[in-house]
N, C-alpha and C. Protein backbone atom coordinates (compact mmCIF):
# COMPACT_ATOMS: atom_id res chain seq x y z
N MET A 1 0.83 -1.17 0.00
CA MET A 1 0.00 0.00 0.00
C MET A 1 0.88 1.24 0.00
N LYS A 2 0.46 2.26 -0.74
CA LYS A 2 1.19 3.53 -0.78
C LYS A 2 0.56 4.48 0.25
N ILE A 3 1.37 4.92 1.19
CA ILE A 3 0.89 5.78 2.27
C ILE A 3 1.64 7.10 2.25
N LEU A 4 0.89 8.19 2.22
CA LEU A 4 1.46 9.51 2.40
C LEU A 4 1.25 9.84 3.87
N PHE A 5 2.34 9.94 4.61
CA PHE A 5 2.31 10.18 6.04
C PHE A 5 2.69 11.64 6.29
N VAL A 6 1.78 12.41 6.87
CA VAL A 6 2.01 13.84 7.11
C VAL A 6 1.99 14.06 8.62
N GLY A 7 3.12 14.50 9.15
CA GLY A 7 3.21 14.72 10.59
C GLY A 7 4.46 15.50 10.93
N TYR A 8 4.65 15.70 12.22
CA TYR A 8 5.83 16.42 12.68
C TYR A 8 7.02 15.46 12.73
N ALA A 9 8.20 15.99 12.56
CA ALA A 9 9.41 15.17 12.58
C ALA A 9 9.82 14.91 14.02
N GLY A 10 9.19 13.93 14.62
CA GLY A 10 9.48 13.60 16.00
C GLY A 10 9.42 12.10 16.23
N VAL A 11 9.58 11.71 17.47
CA VAL A 11 9.67 10.30 17.83
C VAL A 11 8.40 9.52 17.49
N HIS A 12 7.22 10.12 17.68
CA HIS A 12 5.99 9.40 17.39
C HIS A 12 5.85 9.12 15.89
N SER A 13 6.12 10.14 15.09
CA SER A 13 6.04 9.95 13.63
C SER A 13 7.06 8.92 13.18
N LYS A 14 8.27 8.99 13.72
CA LYS A 14 9.32 8.05 13.36
C LYS A 14 8.87 6.62 13.60
N LYS A 15 8.26 6.37 14.75
CA LYS A 15 7.80 5.02 15.08
C LYS A 15 6.74 4.53 14.10
N TRP A 16 5.78 5.41 13.77
CA TRP A 16 4.74 5.02 12.84
C TRP A 16 5.33 4.71 11.45
N VAL A 17 6.17 5.60 10.96
CA VAL A 17 6.77 5.41 9.64
C VAL A 17 7.61 4.14 9.62
N ASP A 18 8.40 3.92 10.65
CA ASP A 18 9.25 2.72 10.72
C ASP A 18 8.41 1.45 10.66
N ILE A 19 7.36 1.37 11.45
CA ILE A 19 6.57 0.13 11.47
C ILE A 19 5.81 -0.07 10.16
N LEU A 20 5.35 1.01 9.55
CA LEU A 20 4.67 0.88 8.26
C LEU A 20 5.64 0.37 7.19
N CYS A 21 6.86 0.87 7.20
CA CYS A 21 7.88 0.40 6.25
C CYS A 21 8.22 -1.06 6.50
N ARG A 22 8.37 -1.44 7.76
CA ARG A 22 8.70 -2.83 8.09
C ARG A 22 7.61 -3.79 7.68
N ARG A 23 6.39 -3.30 7.62
CA ARG A 23 5.27 -4.14 7.19
C ARG A 23 5.12 -4.16 5.67
N GLY A 24 6.06 -3.54 4.98
CA GLY A 24 6.08 -3.63 3.52
C GLY A 24 5.36 -2.53 2.77
N HIS A 25 4.90 -1.51 3.47
CA HIS A 25 4.20 -0.42 2.79
C HIS A 25 5.21 0.58 2.20
N GLU A 26 4.79 1.21 1.13
CA GLU A 26 5.59 2.27 0.52
C GLU A 26 5.17 3.57 1.18
N VAL A 27 6.07 4.19 1.94
CA VAL A 27 5.72 5.36 2.74
C VAL A 27 6.48 6.60 2.28
N VAL A 28 5.74 7.67 2.09
CA VAL A 28 6.31 8.98 1.82
C VAL A 28 6.00 9.81 3.06
N PHE A 29 7.04 10.18 3.80
CA PHE A 29 6.88 10.96 5.03
C PHE A 29 7.14 12.43 4.73
N VAL A 30 6.11 13.25 4.90
CA VAL A 30 6.22 14.68 4.64
C VAL A 30 6.00 15.41 5.96
N PHE A 31 6.88 16.35 6.25
CA PHE A 31 6.78 17.05 7.53
C PHE A 31 7.12 18.52 7.38
N PRO A 32 6.55 19.36 8.27
CA PRO A 32 6.90 20.78 8.24
C PRO A 32 8.37 20.98 8.57
N LYS A 33 8.92 22.02 8.04
CA LYS A 33 10.33 22.37 8.28
C LYS A 33 10.61 22.31 9.78
N ALA A 34 11.66 21.59 10.14
CA ALA A 34 12.00 21.40 11.55
C ALA A 34 13.39 21.93 11.85
N ARG A 35 13.61 22.29 13.09
CA ARG A 35 14.89 22.85 13.51
C ARG A 35 16.04 21.88 13.25
N ASP A 36 15.89 20.63 13.65
CA ASP A 36 16.96 19.64 13.50
C ASP A 36 16.58 18.55 12.51
N SER A 37 15.98 18.93 11.39
CA SER A 37 15.48 17.94 10.44
C SER A 37 16.60 17.08 9.86
N ASP A 38 17.83 17.58 9.84
CA ASP A 38 18.94 16.79 9.30
C ASP A 38 19.30 15.63 10.23
N LYS A 39 18.77 15.65 11.46
CA LYS A 39 19.07 14.59 12.42
C LYS A 39 17.97 13.54 12.50
N ILE A 40 16.96 13.67 11.67
CA ILE A 40 15.84 12.73 11.70
C ILE A 40 16.28 11.39 11.13
N ASP A 41 16.12 10.36 11.93
CA ASP A 41 16.53 9.02 11.55
C ASP A 41 15.29 8.19 11.23
N ILE A 42 14.89 8.21 9.98
CA ILE A 42 13.69 7.51 9.53
C ILE A 42 14.11 6.26 8.76
N HIS A 43 13.25 5.27 8.77
CA HIS A 43 13.50 4.01 8.06
C HIS A 43 14.03 4.28 6.66
N LYS A 44 15.05 3.53 6.28
CA LYS A 44 15.72 3.78 4.99
C LYS A 44 14.82 3.58 3.78
N LYS A 45 13.74 2.81 3.92
CA LYS A 45 12.83 2.58 2.78
C LYS A 45 11.83 3.71 2.59
N ALA A 46 11.70 4.57 3.59
CA ALA A 46 10.75 5.68 3.49
C ALA A 46 11.32 6.81 2.65
N LYS A 47 10.49 7.42 1.87
CA LYS A 47 10.86 8.63 1.15
C LYS A 47 10.56 9.78 2.11
N VAL A 48 11.54 10.60 2.41
CA VAL A 48 11.41 11.67 3.39
C VAL A 48 11.46 13.03 2.68
N ILE A 49 10.41 13.84 2.92
CA ILE A 49 10.32 15.15 2.26
C ILE A 49 10.00 16.21 3.30
N GLU A 50 10.89 17.18 3.40
CA GLU A 50 10.64 18.31 4.30
C GLU A 50 9.96 19.42 3.51
N MET A 51 8.87 19.95 4.05
CA MET A 51 8.19 21.06 3.39
C MET A 51 9.08 22.30 3.44
N PRO A 52 8.99 23.16 2.45
CA PRO A 52 9.95 24.27 2.34
C PRO A 52 9.73 25.44 3.29
N PHE A 53 8.53 25.60 3.85
CA PHE A 53 8.26 26.78 4.67
C PHE A 53 8.03 26.39 6.12
N ASN A 54 8.32 27.33 7.04
CA ASN A 54 8.07 27.05 8.44
C ASN A 54 7.26 28.17 9.07
N GLY A 55 6.96 28.04 10.35
CA GLY A 55 6.16 29.04 11.05
C GLY A 55 4.69 28.90 10.72
N LYS A 56 3.88 29.75 11.33
CA LYS A 56 2.43 29.69 11.12
C LYS A 56 2.04 29.88 9.67
N LYS A 57 2.74 30.77 8.97
CA LYS A 57 2.44 31.00 7.55
C LYS A 57 2.77 29.75 6.72
N GLY A 58 3.70 28.94 7.21
CA GLY A 58 4.11 27.74 6.50
C GLY A 58 2.97 26.78 6.25
N TYR A 59 2.02 26.70 7.19
CA TYR A 59 0.90 25.79 7.00
C TYR A 59 0.11 26.16 5.75
N PHE A 60 0.00 27.44 5.47
CA PHE A 60 -0.74 27.89 4.30
C PHE A 60 0.12 27.81 3.04
N LEU A 61 1.38 28.23 3.16
CA LEU A 61 2.27 28.22 2.00
C LEU A 61 2.62 26.80 1.55
N ASN A 62 2.65 25.86 2.49
CA ASN A 62 2.99 24.48 2.16
C ASN A 62 1.83 23.69 1.56
N ALA A 63 0.63 24.25 1.59
CA ALA A 63 -0.54 23.52 1.08
C ALA A 63 -0.38 23.15 -0.40
N VAL A 64 0.07 24.08 -1.20
CA VAL A 64 0.26 23.80 -2.64
C VAL A 64 1.34 22.74 -2.81
N PHE A 65 2.42 22.87 -2.05
CA PHE A 65 3.53 21.90 -2.09
C PHE A 65 3.01 20.49 -1.76
N LEU A 66 2.24 20.37 -0.70
CA LEU A 66 1.72 19.07 -0.27
C LEU A 66 0.72 18.50 -1.28
N HIS A 67 -0.09 19.36 -1.84
CA HIS A 67 -1.05 18.92 -2.86
C HIS A 67 -0.32 18.31 -4.06
N LYS A 68 0.76 18.94 -4.48
CA LYS A 68 1.56 18.43 -5.60
C LYS A 68 2.21 17.08 -5.26
N ILE A 69 2.64 16.93 -4.02
CA ILE A 69 3.22 15.64 -3.60
C ILE A 69 2.17 14.54 -3.68
N ALA A 70 0.97 14.84 -3.22
CA ALA A 70 -0.11 13.85 -3.28
C ALA A 70 -0.43 13.47 -4.72
N ILE A 71 -0.41 14.43 -5.61
CA ILE A 71 -0.66 14.14 -7.03
C ILE A 71 0.47 13.27 -7.60
N LYS A 72 1.70 13.61 -7.25
CA LYS A 72 2.87 12.88 -7.78
C LYS A 72 2.91 11.43 -7.30
N TYR A 73 2.68 11.20 -6.02
CA TYR A 73 2.84 9.85 -5.46
C TYR A 73 1.57 9.01 -5.48
N LYS A 74 0.42 9.63 -5.67
CA LYS A 74 -0.85 8.91 -5.75
C LYS A 74 -1.01 7.87 -4.63
N PRO A 75 -1.04 8.31 -3.37
CA PRO A 75 -1.14 7.36 -2.27
C PRO A 75 -2.52 6.72 -2.19
N ASN A 76 -2.57 5.49 -1.65
CA ASN A 76 -3.85 4.83 -1.38
C ASN A 76 -4.54 5.49 -0.18
N VAL A 77 -3.72 5.91 0.77
CA VAL A 77 -4.24 6.57 1.97
C VAL A 77 -3.26 7.65 2.41
N VAL A 78 -3.83 8.71 2.98
CA VAL A 78 -3.02 9.79 3.54
C VAL A 78 -3.26 9.75 5.05
N ASN A 79 -2.22 9.54 5.82
CA ASN A 79 -2.33 9.52 7.28
C ASN A 79 -1.76 10.82 7.82
N VAL A 80 -2.64 11.68 8.31
CA VAL A 80 -2.25 12.98 8.84
C VAL A 80 -2.26 12.88 10.36
N HIS A 81 -1.16 13.28 10.99
CA HIS A 81 -1.06 13.23 12.44
C HIS A 81 -1.16 14.62 13.03
N ASN A 82 -2.21 14.84 13.79
CA ASN A 82 -2.51 16.05 14.54
C ASN A 82 -3.59 16.84 13.81
N ALA A 83 -4.68 17.11 14.51
CA ALA A 83 -5.83 17.80 13.91
C ALA A 83 -5.65 19.31 13.84
N SER A 84 -4.62 19.84 14.48
CA SER A 84 -4.47 21.30 14.44
C SER A 84 -3.55 21.71 13.30
N GLY A 85 -2.26 21.82 13.53
CA GLY A 85 -1.33 22.32 12.52
C GLY A 85 -1.36 21.57 11.21
N THR A 86 -1.01 20.30 11.23
CA THR A 86 -1.01 19.55 9.97
C THR A 86 -2.43 19.24 9.51
N GLY A 87 -3.39 19.33 10.42
CA GLY A 87 -4.80 19.19 10.03
C GLY A 87 -5.23 20.35 9.15
N ILE A 88 -4.78 21.54 9.48
CA ILE A 88 -5.05 22.71 8.63
C ILE A 88 -4.43 22.49 7.26
N LEU A 89 -3.21 22.04 7.25
CA LEU A 89 -2.49 21.78 6.01
C LEU A 89 -3.22 20.74 5.16
N MET A 90 -3.71 19.68 5.80
CA MET A 90 -4.46 18.62 5.12
C MET A 90 -5.64 19.19 4.35
N ARG A 91 -6.40 20.03 5.03
CA ARG A 91 -7.62 20.58 4.44
C ARG A 91 -7.29 21.58 3.34
N LEU A 92 -6.32 22.45 3.59
CA LEU A 92 -5.94 23.44 2.58
C LEU A 92 -5.35 22.79 1.33
N ALA A 93 -4.66 21.68 1.51
CA ALA A 93 -4.06 20.96 0.37
C ALA A 93 -5.09 20.09 -0.36
N ARG A 94 -6.29 20.03 0.19
CA ARG A 94 -7.38 19.24 -0.40
C ARG A 94 -6.97 17.78 -0.59
N LEU A 95 -6.36 17.21 0.43
CA LEU A 95 -5.93 15.81 0.37
C LEU A 95 -7.14 14.89 0.38
N GLU A 96 -7.01 13.75 -0.26
CA GLU A 96 -8.10 12.77 -0.34
C GLU A 96 -7.71 11.49 0.38
N ASN A 97 -8.72 10.70 0.73
CA ASN A 97 -8.52 9.41 1.41
C ASN A 97 -7.72 9.58 2.71
N VAL A 98 -8.19 10.50 3.56
CA VAL A 98 -7.45 10.89 4.75
C VAL A 98 -7.90 10.14 6.01
N LEU A 99 -6.90 9.57 6.69
CA LEU A 99 -7.06 9.07 8.05
C LEU A 99 -6.38 10.10 8.93
N LEU A 100 -7.14 10.79 9.77
CA LEU A 100 -6.60 11.82 10.65
C LEU A 100 -6.40 11.23 12.03
N SER A 101 -5.16 11.23 12.51
CA SER A 101 -4.83 10.71 13.83
C SER A 101 -4.71 11.87 14.81
N VAL A 102 -5.59 11.87 15.84
CA VAL A 102 -5.53 12.94 16.83
C VAL A 102 -4.51 12.58 17.90
N TRP A 103 -3.88 13.59 18.47
CA TRP A 103 -2.78 13.38 19.40
C TRP A 103 -3.12 13.72 20.84
N GLY A 104 -4.02 14.61 21.09
CA GLY A 104 -4.36 14.98 22.46
C GLY A 104 -4.59 16.47 22.58
N SER A 105 -3.52 17.25 22.55
CA SER A 105 -3.67 18.70 22.70
C SER A 105 -4.53 19.28 21.58
N ASP A 106 -4.52 18.64 20.42
CA ASP A 106 -5.30 19.11 19.28
C ASP A 106 -6.81 19.01 19.51
N VAL A 107 -7.25 18.15 20.42
CA VAL A 107 -8.68 18.04 20.73
C VAL A 107 -9.01 18.44 22.17
N TYR A 108 -8.03 18.40 23.05
CA TYR A 108 -8.27 18.76 24.45
C TYR A 108 -7.98 20.23 24.76
N ILE A 109 -7.03 20.84 24.07
CA ILE A 109 -6.61 22.20 24.40
C ILE A 109 -6.91 23.20 23.28
N VAL A 110 -6.41 22.95 22.09
CA VAL A 110 -6.50 23.91 20.99
C VAL A 110 -7.93 24.39 20.72
N PRO A 111 -8.95 23.51 20.66
CA PRO A 111 -10.29 24.00 20.35
C PRO A 111 -10.85 24.98 21.38
N TYR A 112 -10.35 24.89 22.59
CA TYR A 112 -10.87 25.73 23.67
C TYR A 112 -10.08 27.02 23.85
N THR A 113 -9.15 27.27 22.94
CA THR A 113 -8.37 28.51 22.97
C THR A 113 -9.27 29.70 22.63
N ASN A 114 -10.04 29.56 21.56
CA ASN A 114 -10.99 30.60 21.15
C ASN A 114 -11.94 30.00 20.11
N ARG A 115 -12.93 30.79 19.70
CA ARG A 115 -13.93 30.28 18.76
C ARG A 115 -13.34 29.95 17.40
N VAL A 116 -12.36 30.72 16.97
CA VAL A 116 -11.73 30.46 15.67
C VAL A 116 -11.06 29.09 15.69
N CYS A 117 -10.29 28.82 16.75
CA CYS A 117 -9.62 27.51 16.86
C CYS A 117 -10.63 26.38 16.93
N MET A 118 -11.72 26.57 17.66
CA MET A 118 -12.76 25.54 17.75
C MET A 118 -13.31 25.24 16.35
N ASN A 119 -13.59 26.28 15.60
CA ASN A 119 -14.13 26.12 14.25
C ASN A 119 -13.14 25.39 13.34
N ILE A 120 -11.87 25.76 13.42
CA ILE A 120 -10.85 25.13 12.58
C ILE A 120 -10.72 23.64 12.91
N ILE A 121 -10.65 23.31 14.19
CA ILE A 121 -10.50 21.90 14.59
C ILE A 121 -11.71 21.09 14.14
N LYS A 122 -12.90 21.62 14.32
CA LYS A 122 -14.11 20.91 13.89
C LYS A 122 -14.08 20.65 12.38
N LYS A 123 -13.72 21.68 11.62
CA LYS A 123 -13.65 21.53 10.15
C LYS A 123 -12.61 20.49 9.76
N ASN A 124 -11.47 20.50 10.44
CA ASN A 124 -10.42 19.53 10.13
C ASN A 124 -10.89 18.11 10.43
N LEU A 125 -11.53 17.92 11.58
CA LEU A 125 -12.02 16.59 11.95
C LEU A 125 -13.09 16.10 10.97
N LEU A 126 -13.98 16.98 10.60
CA LEU A 126 -15.06 16.59 9.69
C LEU A 126 -14.57 16.37 8.26
N TYR A 127 -13.45 16.98 7.90
CA TYR A 127 -12.90 16.82 6.56
C TYR A 127 -12.35 15.41 6.34
N ALA A 128 -11.78 14.83 7.37
CA ALA A 128 -11.14 13.52 7.25
C ALA A 128 -12.16 12.44 6.92
N ASN A 129 -11.71 11.44 6.13
CA ASN A 129 -12.56 10.31 5.82
C ASN A 129 -12.71 9.38 7.03
N ALA A 130 -11.66 9.31 7.84
CA ALA A 130 -11.67 8.49 9.05
C ALA A 130 -10.80 9.17 10.09
N ILE A 131 -11.08 8.87 11.37
CA ILE A 131 -10.33 9.45 12.47
C ILE A 131 -9.81 8.33 13.36
N ALA A 132 -8.56 8.48 13.81
CA ALA A 132 -7.96 7.52 14.73
C ALA A 132 -7.55 8.25 16.01
N SER A 133 -7.70 7.55 17.13
CA SER A 133 -7.34 8.10 18.44
C SER A 133 -6.51 7.06 19.17
N THR A 134 -5.62 7.51 20.05
CA THR A 134 -4.81 6.55 20.81
C THR A 134 -5.47 6.17 22.13
N SER A 135 -6.67 6.67 22.41
CA SER A 135 -7.37 6.28 23.63
C SER A 135 -8.88 6.38 23.45
N TYR A 136 -9.60 5.64 24.28
CA TYR A 136 -11.06 5.67 24.22
C TYR A 136 -11.61 6.99 24.75
N CYS A 137 -10.97 7.57 25.76
CA CYS A 137 -11.46 8.85 26.27
C CYS A 137 -11.25 9.97 25.24
N MET A 138 -10.16 9.91 24.49
CA MET A 138 -9.94 10.92 23.45
C MET A 138 -10.94 10.70 22.29
N LYS A 139 -11.28 9.47 22.04
CA LYS A 139 -12.31 9.16 21.03
C LYS A 139 -13.62 9.85 21.41
N GLU A 140 -13.99 9.78 22.68
CA GLU A 140 -15.22 10.42 23.15
C GLU A 140 -15.12 11.94 23.05
N LYS A 141 -13.95 12.50 23.30
CA LYS A 141 -13.74 13.94 23.17
C LYS A 141 -13.95 14.38 21.72
N VAL A 142 -13.44 13.59 20.78
CA VAL A 142 -13.62 13.91 19.36
C VAL A 142 -15.10 13.88 19.01
N LYS A 143 -15.81 12.85 19.49
CA LYS A 143 -17.25 12.75 19.21
C LYS A 143 -18.00 13.94 19.81
N GLU A 144 -17.56 14.37 20.98
CA GLU A 144 -18.17 15.55 21.62
C GLU A 144 -17.94 16.80 20.77
N LEU A 145 -16.78 16.93 20.18
CA LEU A 145 -16.45 18.10 19.37
C LEU A 145 -17.23 18.16 18.08
N ILE A 146 -17.35 17.03 17.40
CA ILE A 146 -17.96 17.06 16.07
C ILE A 146 -19.42 16.60 16.05
N GLY A 147 -19.88 16.05 17.17
CA GLY A 147 -21.27 15.62 17.21
C GLY A 147 -21.59 14.66 16.09
N ASP A 148 -20.65 13.82 15.78
CA ASP A 148 -20.74 12.93 14.63
C ASP A 148 -20.91 11.50 15.12
N SER A 149 -21.68 10.74 14.42
CA SER A 149 -21.89 9.36 14.82
C SER A 149 -20.90 8.40 14.14
N ARG A 150 -19.98 8.94 13.40
CA ARG A 150 -19.03 8.06 12.70
C ARG A 150 -18.17 7.28 13.70
N ASP A 151 -17.70 6.15 13.27
CA ASP A 151 -16.86 5.32 14.11
C ASP A 151 -15.43 5.89 14.12
N ILE A 152 -14.86 5.99 15.29
CA ILE A 152 -13.50 6.47 15.42
C ILE A 152 -12.64 5.29 15.83
N ILE A 153 -11.56 5.07 15.11
CA ILE A 153 -10.68 3.92 15.31
C ILE A 153 -9.77 4.21 16.50
N VAL A 154 -9.66 3.25 17.42
CA VAL A 154 -8.76 3.42 18.55
C VAL A 154 -7.52 2.57 18.31
N THR A 155 -6.36 3.22 18.33
CA THR A 155 -5.06 2.56 18.17
C THR A 155 -4.25 2.79 19.43
N PRO A 156 -4.45 1.95 20.46
CA PRO A 156 -3.79 2.20 21.76
C PRO A 156 -2.26 2.23 21.63
N PHE A 157 -1.63 3.03 22.51
CA PHE A 157 -0.18 3.10 22.53
C PHE A 157 0.41 1.74 22.77
């Protein structure tokens, strides 16, 4: 399976990309510009692409870049990690076949910052074709936010 993995360049993303590669999937890992991106140790079979822009404006400027990557690689599924920052990018890039993995602060803290953030998080969650959570309580929080009866996949740590 061809997977476009969109997330931050950190330990959690590394683990997901590594296990997907070990299971034989073709993974393209795309991440926002990071401070120490040259030190990222990702599975050798993964294609690693750093987006060209950083900062808050980067989420908007990188949308076209990410859209072109999705067109080029034609993934079967796009796995986006985090409903806030990269969730905004997912929606602006008009990605298709999206599994959105929530992390915690993106559904517990960010939506309650202000009405704009609440609206953005709800739109990001509703945009995804499927949602994954690492806990049952976070699954319930997502359902509370979107008032949606869709099934949310739980992938425990």
